[in-house]
PDB file of N, CA and C in Angstrom:
ATOM      1  N   MET A   1      69.192  -7.938 -79.165  1.00  0.00           N
ATOM      2  CA  MET A   1      67.860  -7.630 -79.677  1.00  0.00           C
ATOM      3  C   MET A   1      67.956  -6.918 -81.023  1.00  0.00           C
ATOM      4  N   GLU A   2      68.882  -6.008 -81.151  1.00  0.00           N
ATOM      5  CA  GLU A   2      69.003  -5.230 -82.391  1.00  0.00           C
ATOM      6  C   GLU A   2      69.244  -6.142 -83.594  1.00  0.00           C
ATOM      7  N   GLY A   3      70.087  -7.140 -83.414  1.00  0.00           N
ATOM      8  CA  GLY A   3      70.361  -8.075 -84.508  1.00  0.00           C
ATOM      9  C   GLY A   3      69.125  -8.854 -84.914  1.00  0.00           C
ATOM     10  N   HIS A   4      68.356  -9.290 -83.928  1.00  0.00           N
ATOM     11  CA  HIS A   4      67.127 -10.025 -84.224  1.00  0.00           C
ATOM     12  C   HIS A   4      66.112  -9.125 -84.916  1.00  0.00           C
ATOM     13  N   PHE A   5      66.053  -7.874 -84.507  1.00  0.00           N
ATOM     14  CA  PHE A   5      65.118  -6.936 -85.119  1.00  0.00           C
ATOM     15  C   PHE A   5      65.456  -6.741 -86.595  1.00  0.00           C
ATOM     16  N   GLU A   6      66.718  -6.504 -86.893  1.00  0.00           N
ATOM     17  CA  GLU A   6      67.143  -6.303 -88.280  1.00  0.00           C
ATOM     18  C   GLU A   6      66.912  -7.571 -89.108  1.00  0.00           C
ATOM     19  N   GLN A   7      67.196  -8.732 -88.510  1.00  0.00           N
ATOM     20  CA  GLN A   7      66.989 -10.000 -89.212  1.00  0.00           C
ATOM     21  C   GLN A   7      65.503 -10.225 -89.480  1.00  0.00           C
ATOM     22  N   ALA A   8      64.658  -9.906 -88.502  1.00  0.00           N
ATOM     23  CA  ALA A   8      63.212 -10.070 -88.674  1.00  0.00           C
ATOM     24  C   ALA A   8      62.703  -9.171 -89.794  1.00  0.00           C
ATOM     25  N   ALA A   9      63.207  -7.939 -89.845  1.00  0.00           N
ATOM     26  CA  ALA A   9      62.789  -7.010 -90.896  1.00  0.00           C
ATOM     27  C   ALA A   9      63.181  -7.553 -92.273  1.00  0.00           C
ATOM     28  N   ALA A  10      64.330  -8.181 -92.371  1.00  0.00           N
ATOM     29  CA  ALA A  10      64.764  -8.767 -93.645  1.00  0.00           C
ATOM     30  C   ALA A  10      63.954 -10.024 -93.966  1.00  0.00           C
ATOM     31  N   ASP A  11      63.737 -10.872 -92.970  1.00  0.00           N
ATOM     32  CA  ASP A  11      63.032 -12.135 -93.203  1.00  0.00           C
ATOM     33  C   ASP A  11      61.579 -11.921 -93.610  1.00  0.00           C
ATOM     34  N   ILE A  12      60.921 -10.923 -93.032  1.00  0.00           N
ATOM     35  CA  ILE A  12      59.506 -10.728 -93.352  1.00  0.00           C
ATOM     36  C   ILE A  12      59.335 -10.280 -94.803  1.00  0.00           C
ATOM     37  N   LYS A  13      60.349  -9.643 -95.369  1.00  0.00           N
ATOM     38  CA  LYS A  13      60.278  -9.261 -96.786  1.00  0.00           C
ATOM     39  C   LYS A  13      60.230 -10.502 -97.677  1.00  0.00           C
ATOM     40  N   THR A  14      60.900 -11.564 -97.240  1.00  0.00           N
ATOM     41  CA  THR A  14      60.928 -12.801 -98.006  1.00  0.00           C
ATOM     42  C   THR A  14      59.698 -13.663 -97.728  1.00  0.00           C
ATOM     43  N   TYR A  15      59.307 -13.771 -96.462  1.00  0.00           N
ATOM     44  CA  TYR A  15      58.280 -14.734 -96.076  1.00  0.00           C
ATOM     45  C   TYR A  15      56.916 -14.106 -95.777  1.00  0.00           C
ATOM     46  N   GLY A  16      56.781 -12.822 -95.935  1.00  0.00           N
ATOM     47  CA  GLY A  16      55.528 -12.171 -95.579  1.00  0.00           C
ATOM     48  C   GLY A  16      54.677 -11.745 -96.760  1.00  0.00           C
ATOM     49  N   LYS A  17      54.877 -12.346 -97.882  1.00  0.00           N
ATOM     50  CA  LYS A  17      54.173 -11.915 -99.088  1.00  0.00           C
ATOM     51  C   LYS A  17      52.671 -12.208 -99.062  1.00  0.00           C
ATOM     52  N   ASP A  18      52.233 -13.157 -98.253  1.00  0.00           N
ATOM     53  CA  ASP A  18      50.818 -13.540 -98.212  1.00  0.00           C
ATOM     54  C   ASP A  18      50.089 -13.001 -96.982  1.00  0.00           C
ATOM     55  N   LEU A  19      50.648 -12.011 -96.324  1.00  0.00           N
ATOM     56  CA  LEU A  19      50.019 -11.469 -95.123  1.00  0.00           C
ATOM     57  C   LEU A  19      48.820 -10.602 -95.487  1.00  0.00           C
ATOM     58  N   SER A  20      47.854 -10.570 -94.578  1.00  0.00           N
ATOM     59  CA  SER A  20      46.682  -9.722 -94.785  1.00  0.00           C
ATOM     60  C   SER A  20      47.053  -8.263 -94.559  1.00  0.00           C
ATOM     61  N   ASN A  21      46.181  -7.367 -94.982  1.00  0.00           N
ATOM     62  CA  ASN A  21      46.420  -5.939 -94.751  1.00  0.00           C
ATOM     63  C   ASN A  21      46.533  -5.639 -93.259  1.00  0.00           C
ATOM     64  N   GLU A  22      45.702  -6.283 -92.458  1.00  0.00           N
ATOM     65  CA  GLU A  22      45.749  -6.061 -91.009  1.00  0.00           C
ATOM     66  C   GLU A  22      47.094  -6.495 -90.420  1.00  0.00           C
ATOM     67  N   GLU A  23      47.575  -7.648 -90.857  1.00  0.00           N
ATOM     68  CA  GLU A  23      48.871  -8.137 -90.379  1.00  0.00           C
ATOM     69  C   GLU A  23      49.992  -7.195 -90.811  1.00  0.00           C
ATOM     70  N   LEU A  24      49.921  -6.730 -92.041  1.00  0.00           N
ATOM     71  CA  LEU A  24      50.936  -5.793 -92.535  1.00  0.00           C
ATOM     72  C   LEU A  24      50.897  -4.472 -91.771  1.00  0.00           C
ATOM     73  N   LEU A  25      49.709  -3.995 -91.452  1.00  0.00           N
ATOM     74  CA  LEU A  25      49.590  -2.749 -90.680  1.00  0.00           C
ATOM     75  C   LEU A  25      50.159  -2.910 -89.280  1.00  0.00           C
ATOM     76  N   THR A  26      49.938  -4.067 -88.675  1.00  0.00           N
ATOM     77  CA  THR A  26      50.511  -4.331 -87.349  1.00  0.00           C
ATOM     78  C   THR A  26      52.028  -4.279 -87.413  1.00  0.00           C
ATOM     79  N   LEU A  27      52.598  -4.967 -88.397  1.00  0.00           N
ATOM     80  CA  LEU A  27      54.055  -4.962 -88.540  1.00  0.00           C
ATOM     81  C   LEU A  27      54.570  -3.557 -88.838  1.00  0.00           C
ATOM     82  N   TYR A  28      53.879  -2.838 -89.706  1.00  0.00           N
ATOM     83  CA  TYR A  28      54.278  -1.463 -90.039  1.00  0.00           C
ATOM     84  C   TYR A  28      54.303  -0.595 -88.785  1.00  0.00           C
ATOM     85  N   SER A  29      53.244  -0.670 -88.000  1.00  0.00           N
ATOM     86  CA  SER A  29      53.153   0.191 -86.815  1.00  0.00           C
ATOM     87  C   SER A  29      54.261  -0.116 -85.820  1.00  0.00           C
ATOM     88  N   LEU A  30      54.540  -1.390 -85.619  1.00  0.00           N
ATOM     89  CA  LEU A  30      55.609  -1.760 -84.684  1.00  0.00           C
ATOM     90  C   LEU A  30      56.977  -1.356 -85.219  1.00  0.00           C
ATOM     91  N   TYR A  31      57.190  -1.516 -86.518  1.00  0.00           N
ATOM     92  CA  TYR A  31      58.468  -1.125 -87.112  1.00  0.00           C
ATOM     93  C   TYR A  31      58.690   0.380 -86.970  1.00  0.00           C
ATOM     94  N   LYS A  32      57.665   1.159 -87.301  1.00  0.00           N
ATOM     95  CA  LYS A  32      57.796   2.617 -87.192  1.00  0.00           C
ATOM     96  C   LYS A  32      58.019   3.038 -85.745  1.00  0.00           C
ATOM     97  N   GLN A  33      57.301   2.429 -84.809  1.00  0.00           N
ATOM     98  CA  GLN A  33      57.467   2.769 -83.403  1.00  0.00           C
ATOM     99  C   GLN A  33      58.876   2.401 -82.938  1.00  0.00           C
ATOM    100  N   ALA A  34      59.367   1.263 -83.414  1.00  0.00           N
ATOM    101  CA  ALA A  34      60.705   0.802 -83.021  1.00  0.00           C
ATOM    102  C   ALA A  34      61.806   1.677 -83.593  1.00  0.00           C
ATOM    103  N   THR A  35      61.608   2.192 -84.793  1.00  0.00           N
ATOM    104  CA  THR A  35      62.681   2.937 -85.454  1.00  0.00           C
ATOM    105  C   THR A  35      62.569   4.447 -85.292  1.00  0.00           C
ATOM    106  N   VAL A  36      61.345   4.967 -85.160  1.00  0.00           N
ATOM    107  CA  VAL A  36      61.138   6.417 -85.088  1.00  0.00           C
ATOM    108  C   VAL A  36      60.663   6.851 -83.708  1.00  0.00           C
ATOM    109  N   GLY A  37      59.825   6.038 -83.095  1.00  0.00           N
ATOM    110  CA  GLY A  37      59.179   6.422 -81.841  1.00  0.00           C
ATOM    111  C   GLY A  37      57.743   6.811 -82.126  1.00  0.00           C
ATOM    112  N   ASP A  38      57.159   7.616 -81.251  1.00  0.00           N
ATOM    113  CA  ASP A  38      55.763   8.006 -81.416  1.00  0.00           C
ATOM    114  C   ASP A  38      55.529   8.703 -82.748  1.00  0.00           C
ATOM    115  N   CYS A  39      54.334   8.503 -83.283  1.00  0.00           N
ATOM    116  CA  CYS A  39      53.924   9.105 -84.547  1.00  0.00           C
ATOM    117  C   CYS A  39      54.163  10.616 -84.489  1.00  0.00           C
ATOM    118  N   ASN A  40      54.877  11.131 -85.471  1.00  0.00           N
ATOM    119  CA  ASN A  40      55.291  12.536 -85.447  1.00  0.00           C
ATOM    120  C   ASN A  40      54.846  13.312 -86.683  1.00  0.00           C
ATOM    121  N   THR A  41      53.830  12.806 -87.364  1.00  0.00           N
ATOM    122  CA  THR A  41      53.321  13.477 -88.556  1.00  0.00           C
ATOM    123  C   THR A  41      51.821  13.709 -88.395  1.00  0.00           C
ATOM    124  N   GLU A  42      51.285  14.583 -89.230  1.00  0.00           N
ATOM    125  CA  GLU A  42      49.848  14.812 -89.205  1.00  0.00           C
ATOM    126  C   GLU A  42      49.146  13.698 -89.973  1.00  0.00           C
ATOM    127  N   ARG A  43      47.913  13.435 -89.575  1.00  0.00           N
ATOM    128  CA  ARG A  43      47.129  12.397 -90.239  1.00  0.00           C
ATOM    129  C   ARG A  43      46.857  12.817 -91.687  1.00  0.00           C
ATOM    130  N   PRO A  44      47.077  11.887 -92.630  1.00  0.00           N
ATOM    131  CA  PRO A  44      46.837  12.207 -94.041  1.00  0.00           C
ATOM    132  C   PRO A  44      45.376  12.585 -94.301  1.00  0.00           C
ATOM    133  N   GLY A  45      45.160  13.226 -95.427  1.00  0.00           N
ATOM    134  CA  GLY A  45      43.833  13.688 -95.793  1.00  0.00           C
ATOM    135  C   GLY A  45      42.859  12.566 -96.097  1.00  0.00           C
ATOM    136  N   MET A  46      41.620  12.957 -96.277  1.00  0.00           N
ATOM    137  CA  MET A  46      40.514  12.028 -96.453  1.00  0.00           C
ATOM    138  C   MET A  46      40.676  11.107 -97.663  1.00  0.00           C
ATOM    139  N   LEU A  47      41.314  11.563 -98.695  1.00  0.00           N
ATOM    140  CA  LEU A  47      41.430  10.765 -99.913  1.00  0.00           C
ATOM    141  C   LEU A  47      42.587   9.768 -99.879  1.00  0.00           C
ATOM    142  N   ASP A  48      43.485   9.918 -98.947  1.00  0.00           N
ATOM    143  CA  ASP A  48      44.635   9.017 -98.835  1.00  0.00           C
ATOM    144  C   ASP A  48      44.286   7.877 -97.873  1.00  0.00           C
ATOM    145  N   LEU A  49      43.520   6.919 -98.362  1.00  0.00           N
ATOM    146  CA  LEU A  49      43.039   5.831 -97.511  1.00  0.00           C
ATOM    147  C   LEU A  49      44.179   4.967 -96.972  1.00  0.00           C
ATOM    148  N   LYS A  50      45.130   4.649 -97.834  1.00  0.00           N
ATOM    149  CA  LYS A  50      46.263   3.830 -97.405  1.00  0.00           C
ATOM    150  C   LYS A  50      47.105   4.587 -96.367  1.00  0.00           C
ATOM    151  N   GLY A  51      47.373   5.841 -96.636  1.00  0.00           N
ATOM    152  CA  GLY A  51      48.153   6.655 -95.704  1.00  0.00           C
ATOM    153  C   GLY A  51      47.462   6.804 -94.355  1.00  0.00           C
ATOM    154  N   LYS A  52      46.150   6.972 -94.375  1.00  0.00           N
ATOM    155  CA  LYS A  52      45.397   7.094 -93.124  1.00  0.00           C
ATOM    156  C   LYS A  52      45.439   5.796 -92.328  1.00  0.00           C
ATOM    157  N   ALA A  53      45.316   4.665 -93.016  1.00  0.00           N
ATOM    158  CA  ALA A  53      45.363   3.368 -92.334  1.00  0.00           C
ATOM    159  C   ALA A  53      46.723   3.154 -91.678  1.00  0.00           C
ATOM    160  N   LYS A  54      47.788   3.503 -92.393  1.00  0.00           N
ATOM    161  CA  LYS A  54      49.132   3.357 -91.833  1.00  0.00           C
ATOM    162  C   LYS A  54      49.334   4.305 -90.655  1.00  0.00           C
ATOM    163  N   TRP A  55      48.866   5.544 -90.789  1.00  0.00           N
ATOM    164  CA  TRP A  55      49.005   6.521 -89.721  1.00  0.00           C
ATOM    165  C   TRP A  55      48.233   6.064 -88.486  1.00  0.00           C
ATOM    166  N   ASP A  56      47.006   5.601 -88.690  1.00  0.00           N
ATOM    167  CA  ASP A  56      46.187   5.134 -87.564  1.00  0.00           C
ATOM    168  C   ASP A  56      46.843   3.955 -86.847  1.00  0.00           C
ATOM    169  N   ALA A  57      47.409   3.036 -87.614  1.00  0.00           N
ATOM    170  CA  ALA A  57      48.069   1.880 -87.015  1.00  0.00           C
ATOM    171  C   ALA A  57      49.274   2.323 -86.186  1.00  0.00           C
ATOM    172  N   TRP A  58      50.090   3.201 -86.736  1.00  0.00           N
ATOM    173  CA  TRP A  58      51.281   3.680 -86.025  1.00  0.00           C
ATOM    174  C   TRP A  58      50.870   4.477 -84.788  1.00  0.00           C
ATOM    175  N   ASN A  59      49.912   5.352 -84.948  1.00  0.00           N
ATOM    176  CA  ASN A  59      49.460   6.159 -83.812  1.00  0.00           C
ATOM    177  C   ASN A  59      48.835   5.275 -82.728  1.00  0.00           C
ATOM    178  N   GLY A  60      48.347   4.109 -83.118  1.00  0.00           N
ATOM    179  CA  GLY A  60      47.734   3.186 -82.171  1.00  0.00           C
ATOM    180  C   GLY A  60      48.713   2.562 -81.189  1.00  0.00           C
ATOM    181  N   VAL A  61      50.002   2.615 -81.487  1.00  0.00           N
ATOM    182  CA  VAL A  61      51.007   2.074 -80.558  1.00  0.00           C
ATOM    183  C   VAL A  61      51.770   3.197 -79.852  1.00  0.00           C
ATOM    184  N   LYS A  62      51.222   4.396 -79.925  1.00  0.00           N
ATOM    185  CA  LYS A  62      51.835   5.563 -79.284  1.00  0.00           C
ATOM    186  C   LYS A  62      52.089   5.282 -77.809  1.00  0.00           C
ATOM    187  N   GLY A  63      53.257   5.663 -77.337  1.00  0.00           N
ATOM    188  CA  GLY A  63      53.615   5.470 -75.944  1.00  0.00           C
ATOM    189  C   GLY A  63      54.409   4.200 -75.678  1.00  0.00           C
ATOM    190  N   LYS A  64      54.387   3.255 -76.616  1.00  0.00           N
ATOM    191  CA  LYS A  64      55.168   2.025 -76.464  1.00  0.00           C
ATOM    192  C   LYS A  64      56.637   2.375 -76.668  1.00  0.00           C
ATOM    193  N   SER A  65      57.496   1.885 -75.790  1.00  0.00           N
ATOM    194  CA  SER A  65      58.924   2.197 -75.923  1.00  0.00           C
ATOM    195  C   SER A  65      59.477   1.542 -77.186  1.00  0.00           C
ATOM    196  N   GLN A  66      60.557   2.115 -77.700  1.00  0.00           N
ATOM    197  CA  GLN A  66      61.172   1.568 -78.900  1.00  0.00           C
ATOM    198  C   GLN A  66      61.706   0.162 -78.650  1.00  0.00           C
ATOM    199  N   VAL A  67      62.202  -0.098 -77.467  1.00  0.00           N
ATOM    200  CA  VAL A  67      62.699  -1.440 -77.135  1.00  0.00           C
ATOM    201  C   VAL A  67      61.550  -2.437 -77.117  1.00  0.00           C
ATOM    202  N   ASP A  68      60.441  -2.069 -76.487  1.00  0.00           N
ATOM    203  CA  ASP A  68      59.275  -2.956 -76.454  1.00  0.00           C
ATOM    204  C   ASP A  68      58.712  -3.175 -77.852  1.00  0.00           C
ATOM    205  N   ALA A  69      58.704  -2.140 -78.673  1.00  0.00           N
ATOM    206  CA  ALA A  69      58.209  -2.272 -80.041  1.00  0.00           C
ATOM    207  C   ALA A  69      59.098  -3.228 -80.837  1.00  0.00           C
ATOM    208  N   LYS A  70      60.407  -3.164 -80.645  1.00  0.00           N
ATOM    209  CA  LYS A  70      61.316  -4.087 -81.328  1.00  0.00           C
ATOM    210  C   LYS A  70      61.046  -5.526 -80.901  1.00  0.00           C
ATOM    211  N   LYS A  71      60.881  -5.739 -79.600  1.00  0.00           N
ATOM    212  CA  LYS A  71      60.602  -7.091 -79.095  1.00  0.00           C
ATOM    213  C   LYS A  71      59.299  -7.619 -79.673  1.00  0.00           C
ATOM    214  N   GLU A  72      58.265  -6.796 -79.657  1.00  0.00           N
ATOM    215  CA  GLU A  72      56.963  -7.220 -80.166  1.00  0.00           C
ATOM    216  C   GLU A  72      57.017  -7.451 -81.681  1.00  0.00           C
ATOM    217  N   TYR A  73      57.770  -6.639 -82.378  1.00  0.00           N
ATOM    218  CA  TYR A  73      57.932  -6.805 -83.828  1.00  0.00           C
ATOM    219  C   TYR A  73      58.555  -8.171 -84.123  1.00  0.00           C
ATOM    220  N   VAL A  74      59.638  -8.498 -83.426  1.00  0.00           N
ATOM    221  CA  VAL A  74      60.317  -9.785 -83.653  1.00  0.00           C
ATOM    222  C   VAL A  74      59.367 -10.932 -83.328  1.00  0.00           C
ATOM    223  N   GLN A  75      58.668 -10.844 -82.204  1.00  0.00           N
ATOM    224  CA  GLN A  75      57.728 -11.906 -81.823  1.00  0.00           C
ATOM    225  C   GLN A  75      56.622 -12.069 -82.869  1.00  0.00           C
ATOM    226  N   THR A  76      56.155 -10.965 -83.406  1.00  0.00           N
ATOM    227  CA  THR A  76      55.102 -11.017 -84.418  1.00  0.00           C
ATOM    228  C   THR A  76      55.622 -11.619 -85.713  1.00  0.00           C
ATOM    229  N   VAL A  77      56.799 -11.211 -86.141  1.00  0.00           N
ATOM    230  CA  VAL A  77      57.383 -11.762 -87.366  1.00  0.00           C
ATOM    231  C   VAL A  77      57.584 -13.269 -87.234  1.00  0.00           C
ATOM    232  N   LEU A  78      58.007 -13.713 -86.069  1.00  0.00           N
ATOM    233  CA  LEU A  78      58.264 -15.143 -85.872  1.00  0.00           C
ATOM    234  C   LEU A  78      57.027 -15.995 -86.147  1.00  0.00           C
ATOM    235  N   LYS A  79      55.850 -15.455 -85.947  1.00  0.00           N
ATOM    236  CA  LYS A  79      54.607 -16.198 -86.208  1.00  0.00           C
ATOM    237  C   LYS A  79      54.478 -16.575 -87.680  1.00  0.00           C
ATOM    238  N   TYR A  80      55.088 -15.793 -88.555  1.00  0.00           N
ATOM    239  CA  TYR A  80      54.901 -15.968 -89.993  1.00  0.00           C
ATOM    240  C   TYR A  80      56.073 -16.658 -90.689  1.00  0.00           C
ATOM    241  N   LEU A  81      57.089 -17.024 -89.939  1.00  0.00           N
ATOM    242  CA  LEU A  81      58.285 -17.622 -90.539  1.00  0.00           C
ATOM    243  C   LEU A  81      58.237 -19.141 -90.483  1.00  0.00           C
ATOM    244  N   PRO A  82      58.821 -19.806 -91.468  1.00  0.00           N
ATOM    245  CA  PRO A  82      58.945 -21.265 -91.414  1.00  0.00           C
ATOM    246  C   PRO A  82      59.839 -21.675 -90.250  1.00  0.00           C
ATOM    247  N   ASP A  83      59.634 -22.889 -89.764  1.00  0.00           N
ATOM    248  CA  ASP A  83      60.370 -23.367 -88.586  1.00  0.00           C
ATOM    249  C   ASP A  83      61.883 -23.320 -88.763  1.00  0.00           C
ATOM    250  N   ASP A  84      62.380 -23.660 -89.960  1.00  0.00           N
ATOM    251  CA  ASP A  84      63.830 -23.664 -90.154  1.00  0.00           C
ATOM    252  C   ASP A  84      64.409 -22.259 -90.063  1.00  0.00           C
ATOM    253  N   VAL A  85      63.634 -21.252 -90.446  1.00  0.00           N
ATOM    254  CA  VAL A  85      64.101 -19.864 -90.344  1.00  0.00           C
ATOM    255  C   VAL A  85      64.001 -19.379 -88.901  1.00  0.00           C
ATOM    256  N   LYS A  86      62.968 -19.795 -88.190  1.00  0.00           N
ATOM    257  CA  LYS A  86      62.807 -19.423 -86.775  1.00  0.00           C
ATOM    258  C   LYS A  86      63.994 -19.860 -85.944  1.00  0.00           C
ATOM    259  N   ALA A  87      64.629 -20.968 -86.330  1.00  0.00           N
ATOM    260  CA  ALA A  87      65.746 -21.517 -85.570  1.00  0.00           C
ATOM    261  C   ALA A  87      66.905 -20.529 -85.449  1.00  0.00           C
ATOM    262  N   LYS A  88      67.026 -19.605 -86.404  1.00  0.00           N
ATOM    263  CA  LYS A  88      68.097 -18.605 -86.350  1.00  0.00           C
ATOM    264  C   LYS A  88      67.951 -17.644 -85.164  1.00  0.00           C
ATOM    265  N   TYR A  89      66.759 -17.564 -84.611  1.00  0.00           N
ATOM    266  CA  TYR A  89      66.476 -16.583 -83.568  1.00  0.00           C
ATOM    267  C   TYR A  89      66.724 -17.128 -82.156  1.00  0.00           C
ATOM    268  N   ASN A  90      67.108 -18.372 -82.048  1.00  0.00           N
ATOM    269  CA  ASN A  90      67.356 -18.965 -80.708  1.00  0.00           C
ATOM    270  C   ASN A  90      68.744 -18.658 -80.215  1.00  0.00           C
TER     271      ASN A  90
END
C-alpha cells in the first residue's frame, strides 16, 4: 500500500492539473490524514480563505485511520489517471 500511495502522490502532480478546487481539497484532506493523522492545528483566521478551506477539508476526515486514508487517497487518484498509468497499480 505504501508504494501505491507514494506513486499516487507523484502521479497526481502530473495528471491532476485540471482538477476542481473541491477535488483538490478532497485529495489534500486525505493526504494530510494519511501522512499526519487528525488535524492538529488551529483553524486559520477569517481572512485566510484558502487556509480555512484546507483546514475544514482535513478536519472533515478526522478519525479516519491513516491506513484507510491512504487507501481512499489511492482510489481517488485513480479516478483522474489515464488508463495506461492506472495499469501500474495492478
